[in-house]
Amino acid sequence: MDSTRYIIDRIEDDDWAVLEPPEGPTLDVPRAWLPTDATAGDVLRVAPNADTSTSTVTFTRDEDATTERRERLQDRRDRLSSTSDGPISL
């Protein structure tokens, strides 16, 4: 089975992580399940563990996808700020 990717939306009270899947509702998981260096905005791979008798998964940080995502978002921010003539009114 292929791994699924999630983005860490936020960490709440250092105990829970809110994950955004490619589609569907967010998923709340205990912070302890994630890699210790994972932070908001990181891309995680979630893969099932095949070597256990119970259904378990492993969360790993996808360094390349995280870097690519952060660069893409920074590029968007840069383009928005370079075309703005001043404050944006909402």
N, C-alpha and C. Protein backbone atom coordinates (compact mmCIF):
# COMPACT_ATOMS: atom_id res chain seq x y z
N MET A 1 0.84 -1.19 0.00
CA MET A 1 0.00 0.00 0.00
C MET A 1 0.88 1.24 0.00
N ASP A 2 0.55 2.22 -0.81
CA ASP A 2 1.29 3.47 -0.87
C ASP A 2 1.04 4.29 0.38
N SER A 3 2.01 5.14 0.68
CA SER A 3 1.83 6.04 1.82
C SER A 3 0.93 7.20 1.43
N THR A 4 0.32 7.78 2.42
CA THR A 4 -0.52 8.96 2.25
C THR A 4 0.21 10.14 2.84
N ARG A 5 -0.01 11.32 2.28
CA ARG A 5 0.63 12.52 2.80
C ARG A 5 -0.39 13.39 3.54
N TYR A 6 0.05 13.96 4.63
CA TYR A 6 -0.72 14.91 5.40
C TYR A 6 0.15 16.13 5.64
N ILE A 7 -0.49 17.29 5.83
CA ILE A 7 0.22 18.51 6.22
C ILE A 7 -0.18 18.82 7.66
N ILE A 8 0.80 19.15 8.48
CA ILE A 8 0.50 19.53 9.86
C ILE A 8 -0.07 20.95 9.83
N ASP A 9 -1.34 21.08 10.14
CA ASP A 9 -1.98 22.39 10.17
C ASP A 9 -1.54 23.15 11.41
N ARG A 10 -1.56 22.48 12.55
CA ARG A 10 -1.16 23.14 13.80
C ARG A 10 -0.96 22.09 14.89
N ILE A 11 -0.25 22.53 15.93
CA ILE A 11 -0.06 21.74 17.14
C ILE A 11 -0.84 22.45 18.24
N GLU A 12 -1.70 21.73 18.94
CA GLU A 12 -2.53 22.34 19.98
C GLU A 12 -2.07 21.87 21.36
N ASP A 13 -1.74 22.83 22.21
CA ASP A 13 -1.35 22.57 23.60
C ASP A 13 -0.20 21.58 23.73
N ASP A 14 0.65 21.49 22.71
CA ASP A 14 1.77 20.54 22.68
C ASP A 14 1.35 19.09 22.84
N ASP A 15 0.05 18.81 22.81
CA ASP A 15 -0.43 17.44 23.00
C ASP A 15 -1.06 16.84 21.76
N TRP A 16 -1.64 17.68 20.92
CA TRP A 16 -2.38 17.20 19.75
C TRP A 16 -1.89 17.89 18.49
N ALA A 17 -1.89 17.16 17.39
CA ALA A 17 -1.57 17.72 16.09
C ALA A 17 -2.81 17.61 15.20
N VAL A 18 -3.10 18.68 14.48
CA VAL A 18 -4.21 18.68 13.54
C VAL A 18 -3.60 18.51 12.15
N LEU A 19 -3.95 17.41 11.48
CA LEU A 19 -3.39 17.08 10.18
C LEU A 19 -4.42 17.31 9.08
N GLU A 20 -3.96 17.85 7.97
CA GLU A 20 -4.83 18.07 6.80
C GLU A 20 -4.52 17.00 5.77
N PRO A 21 -5.51 16.18 5.42
CA PRO A 21 -5.30 15.18 4.38
C PRO A 21 -5.46 15.82 3.00
N PRO A 22 -5.10 15.10 1.93
CA PRO A 22 -5.31 15.65 0.58
C PRO A 22 -6.78 15.96 0.33
N GLU A 23 -7.66 15.16 0.88
CA GLU A 23 -9.10 15.38 0.74
C GLU A 23 -9.78 14.96 2.03
N GLY A 24 -10.87 15.61 2.34
CA GLY A 24 -11.64 15.21 3.51
C GLY A 24 -11.35 16.04 4.73
N PRO A 25 -11.95 15.64 5.85
CA PRO A 25 -11.82 16.41 7.09
C PRO A 25 -10.43 16.26 7.72
N THR A 26 -10.11 17.20 8.61
CA THR A 26 -8.83 17.13 9.31
C THR A 26 -8.83 15.94 10.27
N LEU A 27 -7.64 15.58 10.70
CA LEU A 27 -7.45 14.44 11.58
C LEU A 27 -6.65 14.92 12.79
N ASP A 28 -7.17 14.69 13.98
CA ASP A 28 -6.45 15.03 15.22
C ASP A 28 -5.74 13.77 15.72
N VAL A 29 -4.42 13.89 15.95
CA VAL A 29 -3.65 12.76 16.46
C VAL A 29 -2.79 13.24 17.63
N PRO A 30 -2.45 12.34 18.53
CA PRO A 30 -1.55 12.73 19.62
C PRO A 30 -0.21 13.21 19.07
N ARG A 31 0.30 14.29 19.60
CA ARG A 31 1.59 14.84 19.17
C ARG A 31 2.70 13.79 19.29
N ALA A 32 2.59 12.93 20.27
CA ALA A 32 3.61 11.91 20.52
C ALA A 32 3.74 10.92 19.37
N TRP A 33 2.75 10.83 18.50
CA TRP A 33 2.81 9.91 17.36
C TRP A 33 3.69 10.44 16.24
N LEU A 34 3.97 11.75 16.24
CA LEU A 34 4.72 12.38 15.15
C LEU A 34 6.21 12.43 15.47
N PRO A 35 7.04 12.59 14.43
CA PRO A 35 8.47 12.76 14.68
C PRO A 35 8.70 13.96 15.60
N THR A 36 9.69 13.89 16.44
CA THR A 36 9.93 14.95 17.42
C THR A 36 10.25 16.29 16.78
N ASP A 37 10.82 16.28 15.55
CA ASP A 37 11.18 17.53 14.89
C ASP A 37 10.08 18.08 13.99
N ALA A 38 8.93 17.43 13.94
CA ALA A 38 7.83 17.88 13.09
C ALA A 38 7.19 19.15 13.64
N THR A 39 6.90 20.10 12.73
CA THR A 39 6.28 21.36 13.12
C THR A 39 5.15 21.70 12.15
N ALA A 40 4.38 22.72 12.50
CA ALA A 40 3.29 23.16 11.64
C ALA A 40 3.82 23.48 10.25
N GLY A 41 3.10 23.04 9.23
CA GLY A 41 3.49 23.27 7.85
C GLY A 41 4.27 22.12 7.23
N ASP A 42 4.76 21.22 8.05
CA ASP A 42 5.52 20.08 7.53
C ASP A 42 4.60 19.10 6.81
N VAL A 43 5.18 18.42 5.83
CA VAL A 43 4.48 17.35 5.12
C VAL A 43 4.90 16.03 5.75
N LEU A 44 3.91 15.22 6.09
CA LEU A 44 4.17 13.91 6.67
C LEU A 44 3.73 12.81 5.74
N ARG A 45 4.48 11.74 5.72
CA ARG A 45 4.05 10.52 5.05
C ARG A 45 3.51 9.59 6.13
N VAL A 46 2.39 8.98 5.82
CA VAL A 46 1.77 8.04 6.75
C VAL A 46 1.70 6.71 6.04
N ALA A 47 2.37 5.72 6.60
CA ALA A 47 2.41 4.41 5.96
C ALA A 47 2.02 3.33 6.97
N PRO A 48 1.27 2.35 6.51
CA PRO A 48 0.90 1.25 7.40
C PRO A 48 2.12 0.39 7.73
N ASN A 49 2.14 -0.14 8.93
CA ASN A 49 3.18 -1.07 9.33
C ASN A 49 2.71 -2.48 9.00
N ALA A 50 3.45 -3.17 8.19
CA ALA A 50 3.07 -4.51 7.75
C ALA A 50 3.58 -5.59 8.68
N ASP A 51 4.46 -5.24 9.60
CA ASP A 51 5.10 -6.26 10.42
C ASP A 51 4.45 -6.47 11.79
N THR A 52 3.22 -6.01 11.97
CA THR A 52 2.55 -6.19 13.25
C THR A 52 1.22 -6.90 13.05
N SER A 53 0.71 -7.47 14.11
CA SER A 53 -0.57 -8.18 14.03
C SER A 53 -1.75 -7.23 14.20
N THR A 54 -1.48 -5.98 14.58
CA THR A 54 -2.55 -4.98 14.72
C THR A 54 -2.36 -3.91 13.66
N SER A 55 -3.39 -3.15 13.44
CA SER A 55 -3.32 -2.07 12.45
C SER A 55 -2.62 -0.87 13.07
N THR A 56 -1.41 -0.58 12.61
CA THR A 56 -0.67 0.58 13.08
C THR A 56 -0.08 1.30 11.87
N VAL A 57 0.26 2.56 12.08
CA VAL A 57 0.89 3.36 11.03
C VAL A 57 2.12 4.06 11.59
N THR A 58 2.96 4.51 10.68
CA THR A 58 4.14 5.28 11.04
C THR A 58 4.08 6.62 10.32
N PHE A 59 4.32 7.70 11.07
CA PHE A 59 4.39 9.04 10.51
C PHE A 59 5.87 9.40 10.34
N THR A 60 6.26 9.80 9.13
CA THR A 60 7.62 10.27 8.89
C THR A 60 7.55 11.63 8.19
N ARG A 61 8.52 12.47 8.50
CA ARG A 61 8.58 13.80 7.91
C ARG A 61 9.17 13.68 6.51
N ASP A 62 8.49 14.24 5.52
CA ASP A 62 8.96 14.23 4.13
C ASP A 62 9.72 15.53 3.90
N GLU A 63 11.05 15.46 4.03
CA GLU A 63 11.91 16.64 3.93
C GLU A 63 11.76 17.34 2.58
N ASP A 64 11.82 16.57 1.51
CA ASP A 64 11.76 17.18 0.17
C ASP A 64 10.42 17.87 -0.08
N ALA A 65 9.33 17.19 0.26
CA ALA A 65 8.00 17.78 0.04
C ALA A 65 7.80 19.00 0.93
N THR A 66 8.32 18.96 2.16
CA THR A 66 8.20 20.10 3.07
C THR A 66 8.97 21.30 2.52
N THR A 67 10.19 21.08 2.06
CA THR A 67 11.00 22.16 1.49
C THR A 67 10.32 22.75 0.25
N GLU A 68 9.84 21.87 -0.63
CA GLU A 68 9.17 22.33 -1.84
C GLU A 68 7.92 23.14 -1.50
N ARG A 69 7.15 22.68 -0.53
CA ARG A 69 5.92 23.38 -0.13
C ARG A 69 6.25 24.76 0.44
N ARG A 70 7.24 24.83 1.32
CA ARG A 70 7.63 26.12 1.92
C ARG A 70 8.14 27.10 0.86
N GLU A 71 8.92 26.61 -0.11
CA GLU A 71 9.42 27.48 -1.18
C GLU A 71 8.27 27.98 -2.05
N ARG A 72 7.31 27.11 -2.35
CA ARG A 72 6.16 27.50 -3.17
C ARG A 72 5.32 28.57 -2.46
N LEU A 73 5.12 28.39 -1.15
CA LEU A 73 4.35 29.37 -0.38
C LEU A 73 5.09 30.69 -0.27
N GLN A 74 6.40 30.65 -0.09
CA GLN A 74 7.19 31.88 -0.03
C GLN A 74 7.14 32.62 -1.35
N ASP A 75 7.18 31.87 -2.46
CA ASP A 75 7.09 32.49 -3.78
C ASP A 75 5.74 33.21 -3.94
N ARG A 76 4.68 32.60 -3.48
CA ARG A 76 3.35 33.24 -3.55
C ARG A 76 3.33 34.52 -2.72
N ARG A 77 3.88 34.46 -1.51
CA ARG A 77 3.91 35.66 -0.66
C ARG A 77 4.72 36.77 -1.33
N ASP A 78 5.85 36.40 -1.92
CA ASP A 78 6.69 37.39 -2.59
C ASP A 78 5.95 38.04 -3.76
N ARG A 79 5.24 37.21 -4.55
CA ARG A 79 4.51 37.76 -5.70
C ARG A 79 3.38 38.66 -5.24
N LEU A 80 2.70 38.29 -4.17
CA LEU A 80 1.61 39.13 -3.66
C LEU A 80 2.13 40.47 -3.16
N SER A 81 3.24 40.46 -2.44
CA SER A 81 3.77 41.70 -1.89
C SER A 81 4.36 42.59 -2.98
N SER A 82 4.86 41.99 -4.07
CA SER A 82 5.46 42.81 -5.13
C SER A 82 4.42 43.46 -6.02
N THR A 83 3.20 42.93 -6.04
CA THR A 83 2.15 43.52 -6.88
C THR A 83 1.19 44.39 -6.09
N SER A 84 1.38 44.45 -4.80
CA SER A 84 0.47 45.24 -3.96
C SER A 84 0.87 46.72 -3.97
N ASP A 85 -0.13 47.58 -4.08
CA ASP A 85 0.11 49.02 -4.04
C ASP A 85 -0.10 49.59 -2.65
N GLY A 86 -0.32 48.74 -1.69
CA GLY A 86 -0.55 49.20 -0.33
C GLY A 86 -1.33 48.16 0.44
N PRO A 87 -1.89 48.56 1.57
CA PRO A 87 -2.64 47.61 2.39
C PRO A 87 -3.83 47.03 1.63
N ILE A 88 -4.14 45.81 1.93
CA ILE A 88 -5.28 45.16 1.31
C ILE A 88 -6.49 45.34 2.22
N SER A 89 -7.57 45.88 1.69
CA SER A 89 -8.80 46.07 2.47
C SER A 89 -9.68 44.85 2.28
N LEU A 90 -10.21 44.38 3.38
CA LEU A 90 -11.12 43.25 3.33
C LEU A 90 -12.53 43.69 3.59
